[in-house]
Amino acid sequence: RKALDEEDVALSAFRSVCQQARGGDLGNINDRFELLRLMTCVTGRKTINHVKNETRQKRGSGKVRSESEFEAQSHASATQSKSLDQHSSDAGDPAKLLEYEEGFRSLLDALEDPVLETVALLRLEGYAVAEIAEKVGCAKRSVERRLNLIRQVWTSEE
């Protein structure tokens, strides 16, 4: 694995937004879509910064390859997901940001249940199953079943 992957960048962005929220520095965020736009922007910028950092001259100018890249090449036909480098070129494109936002919104809408939506959002925010169970007011096993259902719904949406 690379030192930093897509999930790490997303978690870092979420952590930054949460820290700003605790400090009261977020300004006027009126709904979840504004929050999603903010998260998308922060994630895009963090991606760009990571790519810049990894391609600095002292890091080999982007020419140093890790084991995960060799593994990815051998499995390239099986997986067609974008790498961080490919996503970073889309980060400033408003059309791509809107596309990502609409895709995320459609995935949430596909759940058709506010409890499933809450569980999904809490999990995306990095909460553990036990923490989600406590927040939602149900057993850990119920949260696990709901997460499996969310995965099934989202897999069928792709």
C-alpha atoms as a PDB file:
ATOM      1  CA  ARG A   1       0.000   0.000   0.000  1.00  0.00           C
ATOM      2  CA  LYS A   2       1.009   3.560  -0.555  1.00  0.00           C
ATOM      3  CA  ALA A   3       1.768   5.790   2.369  1.00  0.00           C
ATOM      4  CA  LEU A   4      -1.531   7.568   1.713  1.00  0.00           C
ATOM      5  CA  ASP A   5      -4.562   6.376  -0.229  1.00  0.00           C
ATOM      6  CA  GLU A   6      -7.984   7.780  -1.174  1.00  0.00           C
ATOM      7  CA  GLU A   7      -9.577   6.871   2.146  1.00  0.00           C
ATOM      8  CA  ASP A   8      -6.773   8.560   4.076  1.00  0.00           C
ATOM      9  CA  VAL A   9      -7.255  11.771   2.104  1.00  0.00           C
ATOM     10  CA  ALA A  10     -11.022  11.704   2.714  1.00  0.00           C
ATOM     11  CA  LEU A  11     -10.542  11.081   6.437  1.00  0.00           C
ATOM     12  CA  SER A  12      -7.993  13.883   6.647  1.00  0.00           C
ATOM     13  CA  ALA A  13     -10.434  16.251   4.931  1.00  0.00           C
ATOM     14  CA  PHE A  14     -13.225  15.223   7.283  1.00  0.00           C
ATOM     15  CA  ARG A  15     -10.952  15.704  10.296  1.00  0.00           C
ATOM     16  CA  SER A  16     -10.053  19.208   9.097  1.00  0.00           C
ATOM     17  CA  VAL A  17     -13.692  20.203   8.606  1.00  0.00           C
ATOM     18  CA  CYS A  18     -14.605  18.840  12.051  1.00  0.00           C
ATOM     19  CA  GLN A  19     -11.790  20.843  13.647  1.00  0.00           C
ATOM     20  CA  GLN A  20     -13.006  23.984  11.894  1.00  0.00           C
ATOM     21  CA  ALA A  21     -16.561  23.273  13.044  1.00  0.00           C
ATOM     22  CA  ARG A  22     -15.434  22.861  16.655  1.00  0.00           C
ATOM     23  CA  GLY A  23     -13.638  26.194  16.418  1.00  0.00           C
ATOM     24  CA  GLY A  24     -16.684  27.880  14.899  1.00  0.00           C
ATOM     25  CA  ASP A  25     -14.800  28.757  11.699  1.00  0.00           C
ATOM     26  CA  LEU A  26     -17.145  27.186   9.139  1.00  0.00           C
ATOM     27  CA  GLY A  27     -19.318  30.217   8.484  1.00  0.00           C
ATOM     28  CA  ASN A  28     -22.841  29.703   7.203  1.00  0.00           C
ATOM     29  CA  ILE A  29     -23.497  26.123   6.233  1.00  0.00           C
ATOM     30  CA  ASN A  30     -27.251  25.814   5.954  1.00  0.00           C
ATOM     31  CA  ASP A  31     -27.756  22.267   4.693  1.00  0.00           C
ATOM     32  CA  ARG A  32     -25.983  19.024   3.958  1.00  0.00           C
ATOM     33  CA  PHE A  33     -25.419  19.940   0.327  1.00  0.00           C
ATOM     34  CA  GLU A  34     -23.367  22.981   1.298  1.00  0.00           C
ATOM     35  CA  LEU A  35     -21.456  20.740   3.689  1.00  0.00           C
ATOM     36  CA  LEU A  36     -20.921  18.231   0.874  1.00  0.00           C
ATOM     37  CA  ARG A  37     -19.593  20.996  -1.388  1.00  0.00           C
ATOM     38  CA  LEU A  38     -17.214  22.081   1.373  1.00  0.00           C
ATOM     39  CA  MET A  39     -16.071  18.489   1.942  1.00  0.00           C
ATOM     40  CA  THR A  40     -15.540  17.999  -1.795  1.00  0.00           C
ATOM     41  CA  CYS A  41     -13.497  21.175  -2.027  1.00  0.00           C
ATOM     42  CA  VAL A  42     -11.355  20.353   1.020  1.00  0.00           C
ATOM     43  CA  THR A  43     -10.820  16.783  -0.205  1.00  0.00           C
ATOM     44  CA  GLY A  44      -9.817  18.020  -3.657  1.00  0.00           C
ATOM     45  CA  ARG A  45      -7.318  20.460  -2.195  1.00  0.00           C
ATOM     46  CA  LYS A  46      -5.867  17.828   0.110  1.00  0.00           C
ATOM     47  CA  THR A  47      -5.511  15.502  -2.886  1.00  0.00           C
ATOM     48  CA  ILE A  48      -3.710  18.174  -4.888  1.00  0.00           C
ATOM     49  CA  ASN A  49      -1.399  18.942  -1.948  1.00  0.00           C
ATOM     50  CA  HIS A  50      -0.614  15.243  -1.521  1.00  0.00           C
ATOM     51  CA  VAL A  51       0.214  14.848  -5.202  1.00  0.00           C
ATOM     52  CA  LYS A  52       2.411  17.976  -5.107  1.00  0.00           C
ATOM     53  CA  ASN A  53       4.192  16.686  -2.020  1.00  0.00           C
ATOM     54  CA  GLU A  54       4.803  13.239  -3.509  1.00  0.00           C
ATOM     55  CA  THR A  55       6.125  14.663  -6.783  1.00  0.00           C
ATOM     56  CA  ARG A  56       8.631  17.049  -5.205  1.00  0.00           C
ATOM     57  CA  GLN A  57      12.194  16.664  -6.347  1.00  0.00           C
ATOM     58  CA  LYS A  58      13.351  15.448  -2.922  1.00  0.00           C
ATOM     59  CA  ARG A  59      10.798  12.614  -3.201  1.00  0.00           C
ATOM     60  CA  GLY A  60      11.998  11.507  -6.623  1.00  0.00           C
ATOM     61  CA  SER A  61       9.945  13.925  -8.751  1.00  0.00           C
ATOM     62  CA  GLY A  62       7.152  11.376  -8.981  1.00  0.00           C
ATOM     63  CA  LYS A  63       9.395   8.771 -10.610  1.00  0.00           C
ATOM     64  CA  VAL A  64       9.732   6.519  -7.556  1.00  0.00           C
ATOM     65  CA  ARG A  65       7.285   3.630  -7.737  1.00  0.00           C
ATOM     66  CA  SER A  66       5.949   1.702  -4.794  1.00  0.00           C
ATOM     67  CA  GLU A  67       5.036  -1.965  -4.620  1.00  0.00           C
ATOM     68  CA  SER A  68       1.350  -1.099  -4.685  1.00  0.00           C
ATOM     69  CA  GLU A  69       1.754   0.484  -8.126  1.00  0.00           C
ATOM     70  CA  PHE A  70       3.236  -2.717  -9.502  1.00  0.00           C
ATOM     71  CA  GLU A  71       0.411  -4.728  -7.957  1.00  0.00           C
ATOM     72  CA  ALA A  72      -2.110  -2.274  -9.373  1.00  0.00           C
ATOM     73  CA  GLN A  73      -0.644  -2.663 -12.865  1.00  0.00           C
ATOM     74  CA  SER A  74      -0.960  -6.434 -12.720  1.00  0.00           C
ATOM     75  CA  HIS A  75      -4.590  -6.087 -11.628  1.00  0.00           C
ATOM     76  CA  ALA A  76      -5.405  -3.122 -13.881  1.00  0.00           C
ATOM     77  CA  SER A  77      -7.826  -5.054 -16.025  1.00  0.00           C
ATOM     78  CA  ALA A  78      -9.769  -6.190 -12.956  1.00  0.00           C
ATOM     79  CA  THR A  79     -10.143  -2.756 -11.384  1.00  0.00           C
ATOM     80  CA  GLN A  80     -10.978   0.452 -13.155  1.00  0.00           C
ATOM     81  CA  SER A  81     -11.050   2.897 -10.250  1.00  0.00           C
ATOM     82  CA  LYS A  82      -9.231   6.193 -10.534  1.00  0.00           C
ATOM     83  CA  SER A  83      -6.033   6.831  -8.618  1.00  0.00           C
ATOM     84  CA  LEU A  84      -5.363   9.939  -6.547  1.00  0.00           C
ATOM     85  CA  ASP A  85      -3.357  11.408  -9.425  1.00  0.00           C
ATOM     86  CA  GLN A  86      -6.302  11.091 -11.802  1.00  0.00           C
ATOM     87  CA  HIS A  87      -8.742  12.547  -9.267  1.00  0.00           C
ATOM     88  CA  SER A  88      -6.490  15.505  -8.508  1.00  0.00           C
ATOM     89  CA  SER A  89      -6.854  16.806 -12.067  1.00  0.00           C
ATOM     90  CA  ASP A  90     -10.654  16.894 -11.546  1.00  0.00           C
ATOM     91  CA  ALA A  91     -10.470  18.603  -8.149  1.00  0.00           C
ATOM     92  CA  GLY A  92     -10.886  22.167  -9.405  1.00  0.00           C
ATOM     93  CA  ASP A  93     -13.386  21.380 -12.156  1.00  0.00           C
ATOM     94  CA  PRO A  94     -16.849  22.619 -11.102  1.00  0.00           C
ATOM     95  CA  ALA A  95     -18.565  20.202 -13.490  1.00  0.00           C
ATOM     96  CA  LYS A  96     -16.764  17.238 -11.890  1.00  0.00           C
ATOM     97  CA  LEU A  97     -17.534  18.521  -8.398  1.00  0.00           C
ATOM     98  CA  LEU A  98     -21.210  18.782  -9.326  1.00  0.00           C
ATOM     99  CA  GLU A  99     -21.078  15.278 -10.819  1.00  0.00           C
ATOM    100  CA  TYR A 100     -19.553  13.884  -7.598  1.00  0.00           C
ATOM    101  CA  GLU A 101     -22.130  15.722  -5.497  1.00  0.00           C
ATOM    102  CA  GLU A 102     -25.021  14.438  -7.610  1.00  0.00           C
ATOM    103  CA  GLY A 103     -23.620  10.907  -7.443  1.00  0.00           C
ATOM    104  CA  PHE A 104     -23.340  11.097  -3.675  1.00  0.00           C
ATOM    105  CA  ARG A 105     -26.843  12.542  -3.380  1.00  0.00           C
ATOM    106  CA  SER A 106     -28.273   9.777  -5.577  1.00  0.00           C
ATOM    107  CA  LEU A 107     -26.584   7.113  -3.434  1.00  0.00           C
ATOM    108  CA  LEU A 108     -28.139   8.603  -0.310  1.00  0.00           C
ATOM    109  CA  ASP A 109     -31.539   8.884  -2.011  1.00  0.00           C
ATOM    110  CA  ALA A 110     -31.320   5.229  -3.061  1.00  0.00           C
ATOM    111  CA  LEU A 111     -31.355   4.211   0.597  1.00  0.00           C
ATOM    112  CA  GLU A 112     -34.987   5.420   0.935  1.00  0.00           C
ATOM    113  CA  ASP A 113     -34.783   5.268   4.731  1.00  0.00           C
ATOM    114  CA  PRO A 114     -33.663   8.094   7.024  1.00  0.00           C
ATOM    115  CA  VAL A 115     -32.147   5.639   9.513  1.00  0.00           C
ATOM    116  CA  LEU A 116     -30.053   3.997   6.774  1.00  0.00           C
ATOM    117  CA  GLU A 117     -28.996   7.434   5.577  1.00  0.00           C
ATOM    118  CA  THR A 118     -27.962   8.408   9.113  1.00  0.00           C
ATOM    119  CA  VAL A 119     -26.011   5.173   9.566  1.00  0.00           C
ATOM    120  CA  ALA A 120     -24.286   5.667   6.206  1.00  0.00           C
ATOM    121  CA  LEU A 121     -23.338   9.272   6.957  1.00  0.00           C
ATOM    122  CA  LEU A 122     -22.033   8.400  10.425  1.00  0.00           C
ATOM    123  CA  ARG A 123     -19.954   5.561   8.983  1.00  0.00           C
ATOM    124  CA  LEU A 124     -18.578   7.866   6.274  1.00  0.00           C
ATOM    125  CA  GLU A 125     -17.675  10.314   9.037  1.00  0.00           C
ATOM    126  CA  GLY A 126     -15.503   7.605  10.567  1.00  0.00           C
ATOM    127  CA  TYR A 127     -17.638   6.465  13.481  1.00  0.00           C
ATOM    128  CA  ALA A 128     -17.207   2.876  14.683  1.00  0.00           C
ATOM    129  CA  VAL A 129     -20.137   0.462  14.681  1.00  0.00           C
ATOM    130  CA  ALA A 130     -20.483   0.736  18.477  1.00  0.00           C
ATOM    131  CA  GLU A 131     -20.566   4.541  18.304  1.00  0.00           C
ATOM    132  CA  ILE A 132     -23.192   4.469  15.553  1.00  0.00           C
ATOM    133  CA  ALA A 133     -25.295   2.036  17.582  1.00  0.00           C
ATOM    134  CA  GLU A 134     -25.171   4.392  20.542  1.00  0.00           C
ATOM    135  CA  LYS A 135     -26.088   7.451  18.428  1.00  0.00           C
ATOM    136  CA  VAL A 136     -28.920   5.706  16.587  1.00  0.00           C
ATOM    137  CA  GLY A 137     -30.142   3.876  19.686  1.00  0.00           C
ATOM    138  CA  CYS A 138     -29.930   0.265  18.584  1.00  0.00           C
ATOM    139  CA  ALA A 139     -27.721  -2.816  18.930  1.00  0.00           C
ATOM    140  CA  LYS A 140     -24.338  -3.145  17.213  1.00  0.00           C
ATOM    141  CA  ARG A 141     -25.656  -6.124  15.238  1.00  0.00           C
ATOM    142  CA  SER A 142     -28.498  -3.956  13.898  1.00  0.00           C
ATOM    143  CA  VAL A 143     -25.961  -1.403  12.690  1.00  0.00           C
ATOM    144  CA  GLU A 144     -23.911  -4.160  11.037  1.00  0.00           C
ATOM    145  CA  ARG A 145     -27.034  -5.451   9.247  1.00  0.00           C
ATOM    146  CA  ARG A 146     -27.891  -1.938   8.112  1.00  0.00           C
ATOM    147  CA  LEU A 147     -24.348  -1.390   6.838  1.00  0.00           C
ATOM    148  CA  ASN A 148     -24.598  -4.626   4.846  1.00  0.00           C
ATOM    149  CA  LEU A 149     -27.923  -3.476   3.423  1.00  0.00           C
ATOM    150  CA  ILE A 150     -26.380  -0.109   2.495  1.00  0.00           C
ATOM    151  CA  ARG A 151     -23.530  -1.907   0.717  1.00  0.00           C
ATOM    152  CA  GLN A 152     -26.025  -4.045  -1.203  1.00  0.00           C
ATOM    153  CA  VAL A 153     -28.102  -1.023  -2.245  1.00  0.00           C
ATOM    154  CA  TRP A 154     -25.056   0.975  -3.286  1.00  0.00           C
ATOM    155  CA  THR A 155     -23.535  -1.961  -5.172  1.00  0.00           C
ATOM    156  CA  SER A 156     -26.751  -2.382  -7.142  1.00  0.00           C
ATOM    157  CA  GLU A 157     -26.721   1.367  -7.916  1.00  0.00           C
ATOM    158  CA  GLU A 158     -23.323   1.134  -9.623  1.00  0.00           C
END
